[in-house]
Amino acid sequence: MRVVVQSEPFDLGALTAGFAAGRSDMGAVVSFTGIVRDTDGRLDRMEIEHYPGMTERAIATIAEEAQARWSLGDVLVIHRHGTLRPGELIMMVATCSPHRGDAFAAAEFLMDYLKSRAPFWKKELTADGAAWVAAKPEDEDALSRWTR
């Protein structure tokens, strides 16, 4: 398991290619990559804050829960912080498993957690000013399915 919180861009291709390289015991790799989205053409940048140490521990805890719930060979979570522009990669999750069902479910579980509960604070900056990004009801609904 690897959890990385960094300000630098990451090489999605290299990370994905290397994630399960040499793992002949794994039958599936699932990855998801998040991109800074400008839904209305007004976003200049997003600023993402976190508490070093605390954020990594919180994500590692949920990654460990994913490993306990599903048969996984490995988990990778990378999330950026700092100033990001529309179109930049913001995060990625990768899971590998002997079977695709576990890899997909674990990746979705991790994504739902990162979207709703990971300790990041995001502020969108436009020509009109700045606004903190709040969790959306649909994100909360997605996360709730894992506690039923």
C-alpha atoms as a PDB file:
ATOM      1  CA  MET A   1       0.000   0.000   0.000  1.00  0.00           C
ATOM      2  CA  ARG A   2       1.239   3.453  -0.878  1.00  0.00           C
ATOM      3  CA  VAL A   3      -0.353   6.809   0.011  1.00  0.00           C
ATOM      4  CA  VAL A   4       1.256   9.987  -1.299  1.00  0.00           C
ATOM      5  CA  VAL A   5       0.154  13.590  -0.793  1.00  0.00           C
ATOM      6  CA  GLN A   6       2.266  15.926  -2.899  1.00  0.00           C
ATOM      7  CA  SER A   7       2.233  19.282  -4.637  1.00  0.00           C
ATOM      8  CA  GLU A   8       4.115  18.108  -7.744  1.00  0.00           C
ATOM      9  CA  PRO A   9       2.398  16.722 -10.846  1.00  0.00           C
ATOM     10  CA  PHE A  10       2.584  12.950 -11.254  1.00  0.00           C
ATOM     11  CA  ASP A  11       3.179  10.769 -14.289  1.00  0.00           C
ATOM     12  CA  LEU A  12      -0.050   8.822 -14.657  1.00  0.00           C
ATOM     13  CA  GLY A  13       1.292   6.502 -17.345  1.00  0.00           C
ATOM     14  CA  ALA A  14       4.411   5.537 -15.435  1.00  0.00           C
ATOM     15  CA  LEU A  15       2.525   5.020 -12.180  1.00  0.00           C
ATOM     16  CA  THR A  16      -0.182   2.924 -13.810  1.00  0.00           C
ATOM     17  CA  ALA A  17       2.323   0.839 -15.787  1.00  0.00           C
ATOM     18  CA  GLY A  18       4.470   0.207 -12.741  1.00  0.00           C
ATOM     19  CA  PHE A  19       1.671  -0.369 -10.252  1.00  0.00           C
ATOM     20  CA  ALA A  20       1.211  -4.103 -10.722  1.00  0.00           C
ATOM     21  CA  ALA A  21       4.214  -4.838 -12.917  1.00  0.00           C
ATOM     22  CA  GLY A  22       5.536  -8.323 -12.297  1.00  0.00           C
ATOM     23  CA  ARG A  23       2.450  -9.378 -10.314  1.00  0.00           C
ATOM     24  CA  SER A  24       1.459 -12.618 -12.038  1.00  0.00           C
ATOM     25  CA  ASP A  25      -0.878 -13.357  -9.117  1.00  0.00           C
ATOM     26  CA  MET A  26      -3.113 -10.381  -9.970  1.00  0.00           C
ATOM     27  CA  GLY A  27      -5.799 -10.610 -12.648  1.00  0.00           C
ATOM     28  CA  ALA A  28      -7.095  -7.023 -12.530  1.00  0.00           C
ATOM     29  CA  VAL A  29      -5.841  -3.486 -12.136  1.00  0.00           C
ATOM     30  CA  VAL A  30      -8.358  -0.684 -11.765  1.00  0.00           C
ATOM     31  CA  SER A  31      -7.336   2.950 -11.746  1.00  0.00           C
ATOM     32  CA  PHE A  32      -9.191   6.228 -11.529  1.00  0.00           C
ATOM     33  CA  THR A  33      -7.738   9.652 -12.141  1.00  0.00           C
ATOM     34  CA  GLY A  34      -9.336  12.919 -11.081  1.00  0.00           C
ATOM     35  CA  ILE A  35      -8.878  16.106 -13.103  1.00  0.00           C
ATOM     36  CA  VAL A  36      -9.488  19.689 -11.953  1.00  0.00           C
ATOM     37  CA  ARG A  37     -12.793  20.499 -13.646  1.00  0.00           C
ATOM     38  CA  ASP A  38     -14.012  23.902 -14.789  1.00  0.00           C
ATOM     39  CA  THR A  39     -17.752  23.354 -15.108  1.00  0.00           C
ATOM     40  CA  ASP A  40     -18.731  26.868 -16.171  1.00  0.00           C
ATOM     41  CA  GLY A  41     -15.592  28.282 -17.778  1.00  0.00           C
ATOM     42  CA  ARG A  42     -14.871  30.650 -14.888  1.00  0.00           C
ATOM     43  CA  LEU A  43     -12.368  28.727 -12.759  1.00  0.00           C
ATOM     44  CA  ASP A  44      -8.902  30.260 -12.676  1.00  0.00           C
ATOM     45  CA  ARG A  45      -7.434  27.838 -10.156  1.00  0.00           C
ATOM     46  CA  MET A  46      -8.143  25.627  -7.182  1.00  0.00           C
ATOM     47  CA  GLU A  47      -6.184  25.796  -3.951  1.00  0.00           C
ATOM     48  CA  ILE A  48      -6.044  22.618  -1.893  1.00  0.00           C
ATOM     49  CA  GLU A  49      -4.905  22.628   1.714  1.00  0.00           C
ATOM     50  CA  HIS A  50      -4.236  19.768   4.119  1.00  0.00           C
ATOM     51  CA  TYR A  51      -2.487  18.962   7.393  1.00  0.00           C
ATOM     52  CA  PRO A  52       0.706  17.017   6.589  1.00  0.00           C
ATOM     53  CA  GLY A  53       0.831  13.739   8.424  1.00  0.00           C
ATOM     54  CA  MET A  54      -2.819  13.779   9.427  1.00  0.00           C
ATOM     55  CA  THR A  55      -4.047  13.578   5.846  1.00  0.00           C
ATOM     56  CA  GLU A  56      -1.754  10.700   4.910  1.00  0.00           C
ATOM     57  CA  ARG A  57      -2.743   8.768   8.063  1.00  0.00           C
ATOM     58  CA  ALA A  58      -6.455   9.250   7.357  1.00  0.00           C
ATOM     59  CA  ILE A  59      -6.100   8.013   3.777  1.00  0.00           C
ATOM     60  CA  ALA A  60      -3.903   5.098   4.864  1.00  0.00           C
ATOM     61  CA  THR A  61      -6.563   4.060   7.379  1.00  0.00           C
ATOM     62  CA  ILE A  62      -9.255   3.914   4.699  1.00  0.00           C
ATOM     63  CA  ALA A  63      -6.873   2.089   2.322  1.00  0.00           C
ATOM     64  CA  GLU A  64      -6.274  -0.487   5.055  1.00  0.00           C
ATOM     65  CA  GLU A  65     -10.038  -0.862   5.433  1.00  0.00           C
ATOM     66  CA  ALA A  66     -10.313  -1.489   1.679  1.00  0.00           C
ATOM     67  CA  GLN A  67      -7.622  -4.169   1.945  1.00  0.00           C
ATOM     68  CA  ALA A  68      -9.539  -5.810   4.799  1.00  0.00           C
ATOM     69  CA  ARG A  69     -12.862  -5.745   2.900  1.00  0.00           C
ATOM     70  CA  TRP A  70     -11.662  -7.011  -0.491  1.00  0.00           C
ATOM     71  CA  SER A  71      -9.023  -9.391  -1.769  1.00  0.00           C
ATOM     72  CA  LEU A  72      -6.411  -6.891  -2.941  1.00  0.00           C
ATOM     73  CA  GLY A  73      -2.812  -7.289  -3.907  1.00  0.00           C
ATOM     74  CA  ASP A  74      -2.036  -3.595  -3.558  1.00  0.00           C
ATOM     75  CA  VAL A  75      -3.457  -0.075  -3.261  1.00  0.00           C
ATOM     76  CA  LEU A  76      -2.046   3.230  -4.481  1.00  0.00           C
ATOM     77  CA  VAL A  77      -3.511   6.638  -3.643  1.00  0.00           C
ATOM     78  CA  ILE A  78      -1.937   9.886  -4.815  1.00  0.00           C
ATOM     79  CA  HIS A  79      -3.523  13.258  -4.085  1.00  0.00           C
ATOM     80  CA  ARG A  80      -2.102  16.659  -4.874  1.00  0.00           C
ATOM     81  CA  HIS A  81      -2.264  19.836  -2.817  1.00  0.00           C
ATOM     82  CA  GLY A  82      -1.358  23.441  -3.521  1.00  0.00           C
ATOM     83  CA  THR A  83      -2.471  25.462  -6.523  1.00  0.00           C
ATOM     84  CA  LEU A  84      -3.906  23.515  -9.453  1.00  0.00           C
ATOM     85  CA  ARG A  85      -5.315  24.794 -12.746  1.00  0.00           C
ATOM     86  CA  PRO A  86      -8.235  23.392 -14.742  1.00  0.00           C
ATOM     87  CA  GLY A  87      -7.206  20.281 -16.640  1.00  0.00           C
ATOM     88  CA  GLU A  88      -4.439  19.287 -14.219  1.00  0.00           C
ATOM     89  CA  LEU A  89      -4.429  15.851 -12.610  1.00  0.00           C
ATOM     90  CA  ILE A  90      -5.507  16.171  -8.981  1.00  0.00           C
ATOM     91  CA  MET A  91      -5.472  12.563  -7.773  1.00  0.00           C
ATOM     92  CA  MET A  92      -5.410   8.904  -8.653  1.00  0.00           C
ATOM     93  CA  VAL A  93      -6.427   5.636  -7.061  1.00  0.00           C
ATOM     94  CA  ALA A  94      -5.248   2.227  -8.225  1.00  0.00           C
ATOM     95  CA  THR A  95      -6.145  -1.194  -6.891  1.00  0.00           C
ATOM     96  CA  CYS A  96      -5.104  -4.654  -8.012  1.00  0.00           C
ATOM     97  CA  SER A  97      -6.758  -7.936  -7.203  1.00  0.00           C
ATOM     98  CA  PRO A  98      -6.921 -11.503  -8.440  1.00  0.00           C
ATOM     99  CA  HIS A  99     -10.454 -10.682  -9.695  1.00  0.00           C
ATOM    100  CA  ARG A 100     -11.916  -7.528 -11.252  1.00  0.00           C
ATOM    101  CA  GLY A 101     -14.933  -7.273  -8.935  1.00  0.00           C
ATOM    102  CA  ASP A 102     -12.795  -6.680  -5.864  1.00  0.00           C
ATOM    103  CA  ALA A 103     -10.515  -4.236  -7.702  1.00  0.00           C
ATOM    104  CA  PHE A 104     -13.479  -2.188  -8.974  1.00  0.00           C
ATOM    105  CA  ALA A 105     -15.327  -2.189  -5.636  1.00  0.00           C
ATOM    106  CA  ALA A 106     -12.248  -1.176  -3.650  1.00  0.00           C
ATOM    107  CA  ALA A 107     -11.369   1.624  -6.083  1.00  0.00           C
ATOM    108  CA  GLU A 108     -14.922   2.957  -5.923  1.00  0.00           C
ATOM    109  CA  PHE A 109     -14.934   2.756  -2.124  1.00  0.00           C
ATOM    110  CA  LEU A 110     -11.671   4.705  -1.953  1.00  0.00           C
ATOM    111  CA  MET A 111     -12.935   7.322  -4.409  1.00  0.00           C
ATOM    112  CA  ASP A 112     -16.148   7.837  -2.449  1.00  0.00           C
ATOM    113  CA  TYR A 113     -14.130   8.320   0.731  1.00  0.00           C
ATOM    114  CA  LEU A 114     -11.674  10.740  -0.891  1.00  0.00           C
ATOM    115  CA  LYS A 115     -14.499  12.820  -2.338  1.00  0.00           C
ATOM    116  CA  SER A 116     -16.423  13.152   0.938  1.00  0.00           C
ATOM    117  CA  ARG A 117     -14.200  12.522   3.947  1.00  0.00           C
ATOM    118  CA  ALA A 118     -10.508  12.906   3.193  1.00  0.00           C
ATOM    119  CA  PRO A 119      -9.131  15.884   5.119  1.00  0.00           C
ATOM    120  CA  PHE A 120      -8.526  18.277   2.243  1.00  0.00           C
ATOM    121  CA  TRP A 121      -9.884  21.805   2.032  1.00  0.00           C
ATOM    122  CA  LYS A 122     -10.512  23.055  -1.491  1.00  0.00           C
ATOM    123  CA  LYS A 123     -11.042  26.639  -2.544  1.00  0.00           C
ATOM    124  CA  GLU A 124     -12.070  27.645  -6.070  1.00  0.00           C
ATOM    125  CA  LEU A 125     -10.806  31.006  -7.324  1.00  0.00           C
ATOM    126  CA  THR A 126     -12.522  32.846 -10.172  1.00  0.00           C
ATOM    127  CA  ALA A 127     -12.534  36.430 -11.424  1.00  0.00           C
ATOM    128  CA  ASP A 128     -15.505  36.968  -9.080  1.00  0.00           C
ATOM    129  CA  GLY A 129     -13.638  35.861  -5.955  1.00  0.00           C
ATOM    130  CA  ALA A 130     -12.997  32.737  -3.933  1.00  0.00           C
ATOM    131  CA  ALA A 131     -15.319  30.095  -2.491  1.00  0.00           C
ATOM    132  CA  TRP A 132     -14.685  26.966  -0.437  1.00  0.00           C
ATOM    133  CA  VAL A 133     -15.909  23.749  -2.045  1.00  0.00           C
ATOM    134  CA  ALA A 134     -18.499  21.912   0.044  1.00  0.00           C
ATOM    135  CA  ALA A 135     -19.337  18.222  -0.133  1.00  0.00           C
ATOM    136  CA  LYS A 136     -22.279  17.549  -2.435  1.00  0.00           C
ATOM    137  CA  PRO A 137     -25.305  15.510  -1.346  1.00  0.00           C
ATOM    138  CA  GLU A 138     -24.683  12.991  -4.135  1.00  0.00           C
ATOM    139  CA  ASP A 139     -21.141  12.441  -2.828  1.00  0.00           C
ATOM    140  CA  GLU A 140     -22.510  11.778   0.653  1.00  0.00           C
ATOM    141  CA  ASP A 141     -25.078   9.371  -0.814  1.00  0.00           C
ATOM    142  CA  ALA A 142     -22.336   7.500  -2.668  1.00  0.00           C
ATOM    143  CA  LEU A 143     -20.320   7.117   0.531  1.00  0.00           C
ATOM    144  CA  SER A 144     -23.328   5.946   2.550  1.00  0.00           C
ATOM    145  CA  ARG A 145     -23.757   2.821   0.434  1.00  0.00           C
ATOM    146  CA  TRP A 146     -20.595   1.375   1.971  1.00  0.00           C
ATOM    147  CA  THR A 147     -21.974   1.531   5.530  1.00  0.00           C
ATOM    148  CA  ARG A 148     -25.218  -0.324   4.876  1.00  0.00           C
END
